[in-house]
């Protein structure tokens, strides 16, 4: 599976007008990408009292990199690029090659959801990265997939950082709401996962998105 996380601001300070154009025009165009398996959009949220780096985010998923590349060659691209140039600013993007651990159980008709996306490195000790990968896949991922209320769970290695220094892996977890996410991490499964995170995850960068499932 190929997954793309795009973050951006709007060019204009008239957020009401920009939001209306984004929802009615930009999202409508992006939904027409051939081969698009899922499409989340949403506003990025404050974490620990800190404002997010950018205002909005979108996550687009395809079966593989070839399907994503084909979508970028479709007739949708020209009008979408034009709208991006006219309305969006400060774009950032991350592409990962990964897999669905928990298949999507979110409606694709604009249903509300909450997304936690984290890019991170793995803690290496004896055995190096290979041993760290085995623990991550065999222990950490298996703990995370048991979180109550988890509606979609994707993991992967970061494939294209746009020339910037990036972390090694990314995980995307989707819940019905922020409250559901918080409850999941307070559960016995969530507490065990949090303990393993201390031993497994390093240099994490987390974004939270108040999102909609567009497809």
N, C-alpha and C. Protein backbone atom coordinates (compact mmCIF):
# COMPACT_ATOMS: atom_id res chain seq x y z
N UNK A 1 0.84 -1.20 0.00
CA UNK A 1 0.00 0.00 0.00
C UNK A 1 0.87 1.24 0.00
N UNK A 2 0.46 2.27 -0.72
CA UNK A 2 1.13 3.56 -0.73
C UNK A 2 0.26 4.57 -0.01
N UNK A 3 0.87 5.32 0.89
CA UNK A 3 0.15 6.28 1.72
C UNK A 3 0.84 7.62 1.63
N UNK A 4 0.07 8.68 1.40
CA UNK A 4 0.62 10.03 1.30
C UNK A 4 -0.05 10.94 2.32
N UNK A 5 0.75 11.57 3.17
CA UNK A 5 0.28 12.56 4.14
C UNK A 5 0.71 13.93 3.65
N UNK A 6 -0.25 14.80 3.38
CA UNK A 6 0.01 16.15 2.89
C UNK A 6 -0.49 17.15 3.93
N UNK A 7 0.37 18.13 4.28
CA UNK A 7 -0.03 19.17 5.22
C UNK A 7 0.13 20.53 4.54
N UNK A 8 -0.69 21.51 4.94
CA UNK A 8 -0.66 22.80 4.24
C UNK A 8 -1.41 23.86 5.02
N UNK A 9 -1.15 25.11 4.62
CA UNK A 9 -1.92 26.26 5.07
C UNK A 9 -2.74 26.78 3.89
N UNK A 10 -3.64 27.71 4.17
CA UNK A 10 -4.33 28.43 3.11
C UNK A 10 -3.58 29.73 2.82
N UNK A 11 -3.68 30.19 1.59
CA UNK A 11 -3.00 31.44 1.23
C UNK A 11 -3.70 32.66 1.82
N UNK A 12 -5.02 32.65 1.81
CA UNK A 12 -5.79 33.80 2.26
C UNK A 12 -6.09 33.71 3.76
N UNK A 13 -6.24 34.86 4.38
CA UNK A 13 -6.65 34.91 5.79
C UNK A 13 -8.15 34.73 5.94
N UNK A 14 -8.88 34.74 4.83
CA UNK A 14 -10.33 34.53 4.86
C UNK A 14 -10.58 33.02 4.94
N UNK A 15 -10.50 32.47 6.13
CA UNK A 15 -10.58 31.02 6.30
C UNK A 15 -11.94 30.47 5.90
N UNK A 16 -12.99 31.26 6.12
CA UNK A 16 -14.33 30.78 5.74
C UNK A 16 -14.41 30.54 4.23
N UNK A 17 -13.90 31.49 3.46
CA UNK A 17 -13.92 31.33 2.00
C UNK A 17 -13.00 30.21 1.55
N UNK A 18 -11.83 30.13 2.17
CA UNK A 18 -10.88 29.08 1.81
C UNK A 18 -11.43 27.70 2.15
N UNK A 19 -12.06 27.57 3.29
CA UNK A 19 -12.66 26.29 3.68
C UNK A 19 -13.76 25.89 2.70
N UNK A 20 -14.55 26.87 2.30
CA UNK A 20 -15.64 26.57 1.36
C UNK A 20 -15.07 26.10 0.02
N UNK A 21 -14.06 26.78 -0.49
CA UNK A 21 -13.44 26.34 -1.74
C UNK A 21 -12.80 24.97 -1.59
N UNK A 22 -12.14 24.76 -0.46
CA UNK A 22 -11.45 23.48 -0.26
C UNK A 22 -12.45 22.33 -0.25
N UNK A 23 -13.53 22.46 0.51
CA UNK A 23 -14.49 21.38 0.63
C UNK A 23 -15.28 21.17 -0.67
N UNK A 24 -15.67 22.26 -1.30
CA UNK A 24 -16.55 22.16 -2.45
C UNK A 24 -15.81 21.91 -3.76
N UNK A 25 -14.55 22.32 -3.84
CA UNK A 25 -13.83 22.20 -5.10
C UNK A 25 -12.61 21.29 -4.99
N UNK A 26 -11.70 21.60 -4.08
CA UNK A 26 -10.46 20.84 -4.01
C UNK A 26 -10.71 19.37 -3.63
N UNK A 27 -11.48 19.16 -2.58
CA UNK A 27 -11.77 17.79 -2.16
C UNK A 27 -12.55 17.04 -3.23
N UNK A 28 -13.49 17.73 -3.86
CA UNK A 28 -14.28 17.10 -4.92
C UNK A 28 -13.38 16.63 -6.06
N UNK A 29 -12.36 17.42 -6.40
CA UNK A 29 -11.42 17.01 -7.44
C UNK A 29 -10.61 15.80 -6.98
N UNK A 30 -10.04 15.87 -5.78
CA UNK A 30 -9.17 14.80 -5.30
C UNK A 30 -9.91 13.47 -5.19
N UNK A 31 -11.19 13.53 -4.88
CA UNK A 31 -11.97 12.30 -4.78
C UNK A 31 -12.07 11.57 -6.11
N UNK A 32 -11.78 12.26 -7.20
CA UNK A 32 -11.86 11.64 -8.53
C UNK A 32 -10.59 10.91 -8.94
N UNK A 33 -9.54 10.94 -8.10
CA UNK A 33 -8.32 10.23 -8.45
C UNK A 33 -8.62 8.76 -8.70
N UNK A 34 -8.23 8.22 -9.84
CA UNK A 34 -8.43 6.78 -10.08
C UNK A 34 -7.58 5.96 -9.11
N UNK A 35 -8.15 4.87 -8.61
CA UNK A 35 -7.41 3.98 -7.74
C UNK A 35 -7.32 4.42 -6.30
N UNK A 36 -7.95 5.52 -5.94
CA UNK A 36 -7.88 6.01 -4.56
C UNK A 36 -8.69 5.09 -3.64
N UNK A 37 -8.00 4.50 -2.67
CA UNK A 37 -8.64 3.54 -1.76
C UNK A 37 -9.30 4.22 -0.57
N UNK A 38 -8.65 5.23 -0.02
CA UNK A 38 -9.24 6.00 1.07
C UNK A 38 -8.66 7.41 1.05
N UNK A 39 -9.40 8.34 1.66
CA UNK A 39 -9.03 9.75 1.59
C UNK A 39 -9.57 10.43 2.85
N UNK A 40 -8.66 10.84 3.72
CA UNK A 40 -9.02 11.57 4.93
C UNK A 40 -8.58 13.03 4.79
N UNK A 41 -9.41 13.95 5.26
CA UNK A 41 -9.01 15.35 5.34
C UNK A 41 -9.37 15.88 6.72
N UNK A 42 -8.65 16.91 7.17
CA UNK A 42 -9.01 17.46 8.46
C UNK A 42 -8.08 18.56 8.92
N UNK A 43 -8.49 19.22 10.00
CA UNK A 43 -7.68 20.27 10.61
C UNK A 43 -6.72 19.63 11.62
N UNK A 44 -5.51 20.12 11.61
CA UNK A 44 -4.51 19.64 12.55
C UNK A 44 -4.77 20.29 13.92
N UNK A 45 -4.52 19.53 14.98
CA UNK A 45 -4.88 19.94 16.32
C UNK A 45 -3.65 20.31 17.14
N UNK A 46 -3.90 21.13 18.16
CA UNK A 46 -2.85 21.47 19.11
C UNK A 46 -2.47 20.23 19.92
N UNK A 47 -1.20 20.13 20.27
CA UNK A 47 -0.72 19.05 21.12
C UNK A 47 0.13 19.66 22.23
N UNK A 48 -0.24 19.37 23.47
CA UNK A 48 0.52 19.89 24.60
C UNK A 48 0.58 21.40 24.64
N UNK A 49 -0.51 22.05 24.20
CA UNK A 49 -0.56 23.50 24.22
C UNK A 49 0.16 24.17 23.06
N UNK A 50 0.71 23.38 22.13
CA UNK A 50 1.46 23.94 21.00
C UNK A 50 0.61 23.88 19.74
N UNK A 51 0.63 24.97 18.97
CA UNK A 51 -0.07 24.99 17.70
C UNK A 51 0.60 24.05 16.70
N UNK A 52 -0.18 23.47 15.78
CA UNK A 52 0.42 22.61 14.75
C UNK A 52 1.26 23.43 13.78
N UNK A 53 2.16 22.75 13.09
CA UNK A 53 3.01 23.44 12.12
C UNK A 53 2.21 24.01 10.96
N UNK A 54 1.14 23.32 10.57
CA UNK A 54 0.29 23.77 9.48
C UNK A 54 -1.17 23.62 9.88
N UNK A 55 -2.04 24.19 9.07
CA UNK A 55 -3.45 24.29 9.42
C UNK A 55 -4.24 23.02 9.12
N UNK A 56 -3.98 22.42 7.95
CA UNK A 56 -4.78 21.27 7.51
C UNK A 56 -3.90 20.13 7.05
N UNK A 57 -4.53 18.96 6.95
CA UNK A 57 -3.83 17.77 6.47
C UNK A 57 -4.78 16.92 5.65
N UNK A 58 -4.19 16.13 4.76
CA UNK A 58 -4.94 15.13 3.98
C UNK A 58 -4.11 13.87 3.91
N UNK A 59 -4.78 12.73 3.96
CA UNK A 59 -4.11 11.43 3.84
C UNK A 59 -4.81 10.66 2.72
N UNK A 60 -4.02 10.26 1.72
CA UNK A 60 -4.55 9.54 0.55
C UNK A 60 -3.87 8.18 0.48
N UNK A 61 -4.67 7.12 0.27
CA UNK A 61 -4.13 5.78 0.21
C UNK A 61 -4.43 5.08 -1.11
N UNK A 62 -3.42 4.38 -1.64
CA UNK A 62 -3.53 3.61 -2.89
C UNK A 62 -3.02 2.19 -2.64
N UNK A 63 -3.34 1.29 -3.54
CA UNK A 63 -2.89 -0.08 -3.40
C UNK A 63 -1.38 -0.19 -3.40
N UNK A 64 -0.72 0.64 -4.22
CA UNK A 64 0.74 0.58 -4.32
C UNK A 64 1.25 1.87 -4.96
N UNK A 65 2.58 1.99 -5.06
CA UNK A 65 3.19 3.19 -5.62
C UNK A 65 2.82 3.40 -7.08
N UNK A 66 2.67 2.31 -7.83
CA UNK A 66 2.29 2.44 -9.24
C UNK A 66 0.89 3.06 -9.38
N UNK A 67 -0.03 2.64 -8.51
CA UNK A 67 -1.38 3.21 -8.55
C UNK A 67 -1.36 4.69 -8.19
N UNK A 68 -0.53 5.06 -7.22
CA UNK A 68 -0.40 6.46 -6.84
C UNK A 68 0.19 7.28 -8.00
N UNK A 69 1.20 6.72 -8.66
CA UNK A 69 1.82 7.42 -9.79
C UNK A 69 0.83 7.58 -10.94
N UNK A 70 0.02 6.56 -11.19
CA UNK A 70 -0.97 6.64 -12.26
C UNK A 70 -2.00 7.73 -11.95
N UNK A 71 -2.39 7.85 -10.70
CA UNK A 71 -3.33 8.90 -10.32
C UNK A 71 -2.75 10.27 -10.60
N UNK A 72 -1.45 10.42 -10.38
CA UNK A 72 -0.79 11.71 -10.62
C UNK A 72 -0.69 12.04 -12.11
N UNK A 73 -0.96 11.08 -12.96
CA UNK A 73 -0.95 11.34 -14.41
C UNK A 73 -2.36 11.47 -14.98
N UNK A 74 -3.36 11.41 -14.14
CA UNK A 74 -4.74 11.43 -14.61
C UNK A 74 -5.19 12.85 -14.94
N UNK A 75 -6.39 12.95 -15.50
CA UNK A 75 -6.93 14.25 -15.88
C UNK A 75 -7.26 15.13 -14.68
N UNK A 76 -7.26 14.55 -13.49
CA UNK A 76 -7.55 15.32 -12.28
C UNK A 76 -6.42 16.29 -11.95
N UNK A 77 -5.21 15.96 -12.35
CA UNK A 77 -4.04 16.69 -11.90
C UNK A 77 -4.06 18.16 -12.32
N UNK A 78 -4.36 18.47 -13.55
CA UNK A 78 -4.28 19.86 -14.02
C UNK A 78 -5.17 20.80 -13.21
N UNK A 79 -6.46 20.51 -13.05
CA UNK A 79 -7.28 21.43 -12.24
C UNK A 79 -6.91 21.41 -10.77
N UNK A 80 -6.44 20.26 -10.27
CA UNK A 80 -6.06 20.20 -8.85
C UNK A 80 -4.80 21.03 -8.60
N UNK A 81 -3.83 20.96 -9.48
CA UNK A 81 -2.62 21.78 -9.35
C UNK A 81 -2.98 23.26 -9.43
N UNK A 82 -3.87 23.61 -10.34
CA UNK A 82 -4.28 25.01 -10.47
C UNK A 82 -4.93 25.51 -9.18
N UNK A 83 -5.78 24.69 -8.58
CA UNK A 83 -6.43 25.09 -7.34
C UNK A 83 -5.41 25.17 -6.20
N UNK A 84 -4.46 24.24 -6.19
CA UNK A 84 -3.41 24.27 -5.16
C UNK A 84 -2.61 25.55 -5.27
N UNK A 85 -2.23 25.93 -6.46
CA UNK A 85 -1.43 27.15 -6.65
C UNK A 85 -2.21 28.40 -6.28
N UNK A 86 -3.53 28.35 -6.44
CA UNK A 86 -4.35 29.52 -6.16
C UNK A 86 -4.72 29.65 -4.69
N UNK A 87 -4.74 28.53 -3.95
CA UNK A 87 -5.32 28.58 -2.60
C UNK A 87 -4.45 28.01 -1.48
N UNK A 88 -3.51 27.12 -1.77
CA UNK A 88 -2.76 26.46 -0.70
C UNK A 88 -1.35 27.02 -0.60
N UNK A 89 -0.75 26.88 0.59
CA UNK A 89 0.60 27.38 0.83
C UNK A 89 1.31 26.48 1.83
N UNK A 90 2.65 26.58 1.84
CA UNK A 90 3.47 25.86 2.83
C UNK A 90 3.20 24.36 2.83
N UNK A 91 3.15 23.78 1.64
CA UNK A 91 2.84 22.36 1.55
C UNK A 91 4.01 21.51 2.05
N UNK A 92 3.67 20.46 2.77
CA UNK A 92 4.63 19.44 3.15
C UNK A 92 4.04 18.08 2.83
N UNK A 93 4.88 17.09 2.55
CA UNK A 93 4.34 15.77 2.21
C UNK A 93 5.28 14.67 2.68
N UNK A 94 4.68 13.56 3.04
CA UNK A 94 5.41 12.35 3.40
C UNK A 94 4.74 11.19 2.67
N UNK A 95 5.54 10.34 2.06
CA UNK A 95 5.04 9.15 1.40
C UNK A 95 5.61 7.92 2.09
N UNK A 96 4.77 6.93 2.32
CA UNK A 96 5.25 5.69 2.93
C UNK A 96 4.79 4.49 2.11
N UNK A 97 5.62 3.47 2.12
CA UNK A 97 5.26 2.17 1.58
C UNK A 97 4.92 1.28 2.77
N UNK A 98 3.69 0.83 2.84
CA UNK A 98 3.29 0.12 4.04
C UNK A 98 2.17 -0.86 3.82
N UNK A 99 1.40 -1.05 4.88
CA UNK A 99 0.32 -2.04 4.85
C UNK A 99 -0.75 -1.69 5.87
N UNK A 100 -1.94 -2.20 5.63
CA UNK A 100 -3.04 -2.07 6.57
C UNK A 100 -2.94 -3.19 7.60
N UNK A 101 -2.84 -2.83 8.85
CA UNK A 101 -2.85 -3.82 9.93
C UNK A 101 -4.28 -4.09 10.37
N UNK A 102 -5.05 -3.02 10.53
CA UNK A 102 -6.49 -3.13 10.82
C UNK A 102 -7.23 -2.49 9.65
N UNK A 103 -8.00 -3.28 8.88
CA UNK A 103 -8.72 -2.71 7.72
C UNK A 103 -9.68 -1.61 8.16
N UNK A 104 -9.92 -0.71 7.24
CA UNK A 104 -10.75 0.45 7.55
C UNK A 104 -12.17 0.04 7.91
N UNK A 105 -12.64 0.61 9.02
CA UNK A 105 -14.03 0.42 9.44
C UNK A 105 -14.66 1.79 9.69
N UNK A 106 -14.37 2.72 8.77
CA UNK A 106 -14.90 4.08 8.84
C UNK A 106 -15.68 4.33 7.56
N UNK A 107 -16.88 4.88 7.67
CA UNK A 107 -17.66 5.22 6.48
C UNK A 107 -16.91 6.24 5.64
N UNK A 108 -17.09 6.19 4.33
CA UNK A 108 -16.40 7.10 3.45
C UNK A 108 -17.27 8.18 2.88
N UNK A 109 -18.28 8.64 3.63
CA UNK A 109 -19.23 9.63 3.12
C UNK A 109 -19.14 10.94 3.92
N UNK A 110 -17.94 11.26 4.34
CA UNK A 110 -17.76 12.47 5.14
C UNK A 110 -17.91 12.23 6.62
N UNK A 111 -17.87 10.97 7.05
CA UNK A 111 -17.99 10.64 8.46
C UNK A 111 -16.82 11.24 9.25
N UNK A 112 -17.12 11.74 10.43
CA UNK A 112 -16.11 12.32 11.30
C UNK A 112 -15.26 11.23 11.93
N UNK A 113 -13.99 11.55 12.14
CA UNK A 113 -13.09 10.62 12.82
C UNK A 113 -11.91 11.40 13.39
N UNK A 114 -11.07 10.70 14.13
CA UNK A 114 -9.87 11.30 14.71
C UNK A 114 -8.66 10.47 14.26
N UNK A 115 -7.59 11.17 13.87
CA UNK A 115 -6.40 10.49 13.38
C UNK A 115 -5.19 10.90 14.21
N UNK A 116 -4.42 9.92 14.62
CA UNK A 116 -3.10 10.15 15.20
C UNK A 116 -2.08 9.56 14.23
N UNK A 117 -1.20 10.40 13.71
CA UNK A 117 -0.16 9.95 12.79
C UNK A 117 1.19 10.27 13.41
N UNK A 118 2.07 9.29 13.46
CA UNK A 118 3.38 9.47 14.09
C UNK A 118 4.48 8.99 13.16
N UNK A 119 5.50 9.82 12.98
CA UNK A 119 6.72 9.37 12.31
C UNK A 119 7.78 9.22 13.40
N UNK A 120 8.63 8.20 13.28
CA UNK A 120 9.52 7.88 14.39
C UNK A 120 10.66 6.99 13.93
N UNK A 121 11.66 6.89 14.79
CA UNK A 121 12.74 5.92 14.63
C UNK A 121 12.52 4.79 15.62
N UNK A 122 13.22 3.69 15.41
CA UNK A 122 13.15 2.56 16.32
C UNK A 122 14.39 2.54 17.22
N UNK A 123 14.17 2.19 18.48
CA UNK A 123 15.28 2.06 19.41
C UNK A 123 16.11 0.84 19.03
N UNK A 124 17.41 1.03 18.90
CA UNK A 124 18.30 -0.07 18.53
C UNK A 124 19.21 -0.41 19.71
N UNK A 125 19.34 -1.69 19.98
CA UNK A 125 20.26 -2.17 21.01
C UNK A 125 21.02 -3.34 20.42
N UNK A 126 21.17 -4.41 21.18
CA UNK A 126 21.82 -5.61 20.64
C UNK A 126 21.02 -6.14 19.46
N UNK A 127 21.70 -6.41 18.38
CA UNK A 127 21.02 -6.90 17.19
C UNK A 127 20.70 -5.81 16.19
N UNK A 128 20.86 -4.52 16.58
CA UNK A 128 20.69 -3.42 15.67
C UNK A 128 19.28 -3.27 15.12
N UNK A 129 19.19 -2.70 13.93
CA UNK A 129 17.89 -2.38 13.34
C UNK A 129 17.08 -3.63 13.05
N UNK A 130 17.72 -4.70 12.67
CA UNK A 130 17.00 -5.93 12.36
C UNK A 130 16.24 -6.44 13.58
N UNK A 131 16.90 -6.42 14.74
CA UNK A 131 16.24 -6.86 15.97
C UNK A 131 15.14 -5.88 16.37
N UNK A 132 15.39 -4.58 16.17
CA UNK A 132 14.38 -3.57 16.49
C UNK A 132 13.14 -3.76 15.62
N UNK A 133 13.34 -4.10 14.33
CA UNK A 133 12.22 -4.37 13.44
C UNK A 133 11.42 -5.58 13.91
N UNK A 134 12.11 -6.62 14.31
CA UNK A 134 11.40 -7.83 14.77
C UNK A 134 10.53 -7.51 15.98
N UNK A 135 11.07 -6.72 16.91
CA UNK A 135 10.27 -6.37 18.09
C UNK A 135 9.10 -5.48 17.70
N UNK A 136 9.36 -4.51 16.84
CA UNK A 136 8.29 -3.61 16.43
C UNK A 136 7.15 -4.38 15.77
N UNK A 137 7.50 -5.23 14.80
CA UNK A 137 6.47 -5.97 14.08
C UNK A 137 5.83 -7.05 14.94
N UNK A 138 6.64 -7.75 15.73
CA UNK A 138 6.12 -8.89 16.46
C UNK A 138 5.46 -8.56 17.78
N UNK A 139 5.82 -7.42 18.38
CA UNK A 139 5.29 -7.07 19.69
C UNK A 139 4.49 -5.77 19.63
N UNK A 140 5.13 -4.70 19.21
CA UNK A 140 4.49 -3.39 19.28
C UNK A 140 3.24 -3.32 18.40
N UNK A 141 3.36 -3.73 17.16
CA UNK A 141 2.21 -3.67 16.25
C UNK A 141 1.08 -4.57 16.73
N UNK A 142 1.43 -5.72 17.28
CA UNK A 142 0.40 -6.64 17.78
C UNK A 142 -0.32 -6.06 18.99
N UNK A 143 0.39 -5.30 19.81
CA UNK A 143 -0.27 -4.62 20.92
C UNK A 143 -1.20 -3.53 20.40
N UNK A 144 -0.72 -2.73 19.45
CA UNK A 144 -1.51 -1.61 18.95
C UNK A 144 -2.79 -2.07 18.26
N UNK A 145 -2.72 -3.17 17.54
CA UNK A 145 -3.91 -3.61 16.81
C UNK A 145 -5.04 -4.04 17.75
N UNK A 146 -4.74 -4.25 19.03
CA UNK A 146 -5.75 -4.65 20.02
C UNK A 146 -6.40 -3.48 20.72
N UNK A 147 -6.00 -2.24 20.40
CA UNK A 147 -6.59 -1.08 21.05
C UNK A 147 -8.10 -1.06 20.82
N UNK A 148 -8.87 -0.93 21.88
CA UNK A 148 -10.33 -0.88 21.69
C UNK A 148 -10.73 0.37 20.90
N UNK A 149 -11.65 0.18 19.99
CA UNK A 149 -12.15 1.30 19.20
C UNK A 149 -11.29 1.69 18.02
N UNK A 150 -10.22 0.95 17.75
CA UNK A 150 -9.35 1.28 16.61
C UNK A 150 -10.07 0.94 15.31
N UNK A 151 -10.23 1.94 14.44
CA UNK A 151 -11.05 1.78 13.24
C UNK A 151 -10.24 1.62 11.96
N UNK A 152 -8.97 1.96 12.01
CA UNK A 152 -8.09 1.82 10.85
C UNK A 152 -6.67 1.98 11.37
N UNK A 153 -5.75 1.10 10.93
CA UNK A 153 -4.39 1.13 11.44
C UNK A 153 -3.45 0.78 10.30
N UNK A 154 -2.57 1.71 9.98
CA UNK A 154 -1.61 1.53 8.89
C UNK A 154 -0.20 1.79 9.40
N UNK A 155 0.75 1.01 8.90
CA UNK A 155 2.16 1.22 9.23
C UNK A 155 2.97 1.18 7.94
N UNK A 156 4.16 1.77 7.98
CA UNK A 156 5.02 1.69 6.81
C UNK A 156 6.33 2.42 7.03
N UNK A 157 7.24 2.20 6.11
CA UNK A 157 8.52 2.89 6.11
C UNK A 157 8.43 4.13 5.23
N UNK A 158 8.99 5.22 5.69
CA UNK A 158 8.93 6.46 4.95
C UNK A 158 9.79 6.34 3.70
N UNK A 159 9.15 6.54 2.55
CA UNK A 159 9.81 6.29 1.26
C UNK A 159 10.29 7.55 0.59
N UNK A 160 9.59 8.66 0.78
CA UNK A 160 9.93 9.88 0.06
C UNK A 160 9.68 11.06 0.98
N UNK A 161 10.77 11.70 1.42
CA UNK A 161 10.65 12.82 2.34
C UNK A 161 10.85 14.16 1.65
N UNK A 162 10.82 14.18 0.33
CA UNK A 162 10.97 15.44 -0.38
C UNK A 162 12.31 16.10 -0.16
N UNK A 163 13.34 15.30 0.09
CA UNK A 163 14.67 15.84 0.27
C UNK A 163 15.01 16.20 1.70
N UNK A 164 14.03 16.18 2.59
CA UNK A 164 14.28 16.55 3.98
C UNK A 164 14.67 15.33 4.80
N UNK A 165 15.42 15.58 5.86
CA UNK A 165 15.78 14.49 6.77
C UNK A 165 14.53 14.05 7.51
N UNK A 166 14.18 12.78 7.41
CA UNK A 166 12.96 12.26 8.01
C UNK A 166 13.27 11.08 8.89
N UNK A 167 12.28 10.70 9.65
CA UNK A 167 12.42 9.53 10.49
C UNK A 167 12.21 8.27 9.65
N UNK A 168 12.33 7.14 10.31
CA UNK A 168 12.39 5.86 9.61
C UNK A 168 11.01 5.29 9.28
N UNK A 169 10.07 5.38 10.21
CA UNK A 169 8.76 4.75 10.05
C UNK A 169 7.64 5.73 10.34
N UNK A 170 6.44 5.32 9.92
CA UNK A 170 5.23 6.08 10.24
C UNK A 170 4.12 5.10 10.57
N UNK A 171 3.25 5.51 11.49
CA UNK A 171 2.04 4.75 11.82
C UNK A 171 0.86 5.72 11.83
N UNK A 172 -0.27 5.27 11.34
CA UNK A 172 -1.49 6.06 11.31
C UNK A 172 -2.59 5.25 11.99
N UNK A 173 -3.18 5.82 13.04
CA UNK A 173 -4.25 5.17 13.78
C UNK A 173 -5.49 6.04 13.72
N UNK A 174 -6.63 5.43 13.40
CA UNK A 174 -7.89 6.16 13.22
C UNK A 174 -8.92 5.66 14.23
N UNK A 175 -9.55 6.60 14.90
CA UNK A 175 -10.62 6.31 15.86
C UNK A 175 -11.85 7.13 15.49
N UNK A 176 -12.98 6.80 16.11
CA UNK A 176 -14.19 7.56 15.83
C UNK A 176 -14.09 9.00 16.32
N UNK A 177 -13.33 9.23 17.40
CA UNK A 177 -13.26 10.57 17.99
C UNK A 177 -12.01 10.67 18.87
N UNK A 178 -11.70 11.89 19.28
CA UNK A 178 -10.59 12.11 20.21
C UNK A 178 -10.86 11.40 21.53
N UNK A 179 -12.11 11.43 21.99
CA UNK A 179 -12.45 10.75 23.24
C UNK A 179 -12.22 9.24 23.13
N UNK A 180 -12.54 8.66 21.96
CA UNK A 180 -12.32 7.22 21.76
C UNK A 180 -10.83 6.90 21.78
N UNK A 181 -10.03 7.77 21.19
CA UNK A 181 -8.57 7.60 21.21
C UNK A 181 -8.03 7.65 22.64
N UNK A 182 -8.48 8.63 23.41
CA UNK A 182 -8.02 8.75 24.80
C UNK A 182 -8.44 7.55 25.63
N UNK A 183 -9.67 7.09 25.42
CA UNK A 183 -10.14 5.92 26.15
C UNK A 183 -9.32 4.68 25.79
N UNK A 184 -8.96 4.55 24.52
CA UNK A 184 -8.17 3.39 24.09
C UNK A 184 -6.84 3.34 24.81
N UNK A 185 -6.19 4.49 24.97
CA UNK A 185 -4.88 4.51 25.62
C UNK A 185 -4.97 4.41 27.14
N UNK A 186 -6.17 4.56 27.70
CA UNK A 186 -6.36 4.34 29.13
C UNK A 186 -6.75 2.90 29.44
N UNK A 187 -7.04 2.12 28.40
CA UNK A 187 -7.43 0.72 28.57
C UNK A 187 -6.21 -0.11 28.96
N UNK A 188 -6.41 -1.34 29.45
CA UNK A 188 -5.25 -2.21 29.72
C UNK A 188 -4.35 -2.39 28.51
N UNK A 189 -4.97 -2.54 27.32
CA UNK A 189 -4.18 -2.70 26.11
C UNK A 189 -3.37 -1.43 25.81
N UNK A 190 -4.01 -0.27 26.01
CA UNK A 190 -3.34 0.98 25.77
C UNK A 190 -2.20 1.24 26.73
N UNK A 191 -2.38 0.89 27.99
CA UNK A 191 -1.32 1.07 28.98
C UNK A 191 -0.13 0.17 28.67
N UNK A 192 -0.41 -1.05 28.24
CA UNK A 192 0.68 -1.95 27.86
C UNK A 192 1.41 -1.42 26.62
N UNK A 193 0.65 -0.90 25.67
CA UNK A 193 1.26 -0.32 24.48
C UNK A 193 2.14 0.88 24.84
N UNK A 194 1.66 1.73 25.74
CA UNK A 194 2.44 2.89 26.15
C UNK A 194 3.74 2.48 26.81
N UNK A 195 3.71 1.43 27.59
CA UNK A 195 4.95 0.95 28.20
C UNK A 195 5.93 0.46 27.14
N UNK A 196 5.40 -0.24 26.14
CA UNK A 196 6.29 -0.72 25.09
C UNK A 196 6.84 0.44 24.26
N UNK A 197 6.05 1.49 24.09
CA UNK A 197 6.53 2.65 23.34
C UNK A 197 7.80 3.23 23.96
N UNK A 198 7.87 3.21 25.28
CA UNK A 198 9.06 3.75 25.95
C UNK A 198 10.32 2.98 25.56
N UNK A 199 10.17 1.70 25.31
CA UNK A 199 11.32 0.87 24.97
C UNK A 199 11.56 0.79 23.47
N UNK A 200 10.56 1.07 22.67
CA UNK A 200 10.60 0.79 21.23
C UNK A 200 10.77 2.02 20.35
N UNK A 201 10.12 3.12 20.73
CA UNK A 201 10.00 4.29 19.86
C UNK A 201 10.98 5.38 20.29
N UNK A 202 11.64 5.98 19.31
CA UNK A 202 12.54 7.10 19.57
C UNK A 202 12.25 8.22 18.57
N UNK A 203 12.53 9.47 19.01
CA UNK A 203 12.50 10.63 18.10
C UNK A 203 11.14 10.77 17.42
N UNK A 204 10.08 10.60 18.16
CA UNK A 204 8.74 10.62 17.56
C UNK A 204 8.28 12.04 17.27
N UNK A 205 7.58 12.19 16.17
CA UNK A 205 6.89 13.43 15.82
C UNK A 205 5.44 13.06 15.54
N UNK A 206 4.53 13.60 16.33
CA UNK A 206 3.12 13.19 16.28
C UNK A 206 2.26 14.35 15.80
N UNK A 207 1.31 14.04 14.94
CA UNK A 207 0.26 15.00 14.56
C UNK A 207 -1.09 14.38 14.87
N UNK A 208 -2.01 15.24 15.27
CA UNK A 208 -3.39 14.83 15.51
C UNK A 208 -4.28 15.60 14.56
N UNK A 209 -5.25 14.90 14.00
CA UNK A 209 -6.09 15.49 12.97
C UNK A 209 -7.56 15.25 13.30
N UNK A 210 -8.32 16.33 13.38
CA UNK A 210 -9.78 16.23 13.50
C UNK A 210 -10.32 16.07 12.08
N UNK A 211 -10.67 14.85 11.72
CA UNK A 211 -10.76 14.51 10.29
C UNK A 211 -12.16 14.10 9.84
N UNK A 212 -12.26 13.97 8.51
CA UNK A 212 -13.41 13.39 7.84
C UNK A 212 -12.90 12.32 6.88
N UNK A 213 -13.68 11.26 6.73
CA UNK A 213 -13.37 10.21 5.76
C UNK A 213 -14.13 10.53 4.48
N UNK A 214 -13.42 11.01 3.47
CA UNK A 214 -14.06 11.47 2.25
C UNK A 214 -14.40 10.34 1.29
N UNK A 215 -13.63 9.27 1.35
CA UNK A 215 -13.88 8.09 0.49
C UNK A 215 -13.77 6.85 1.37
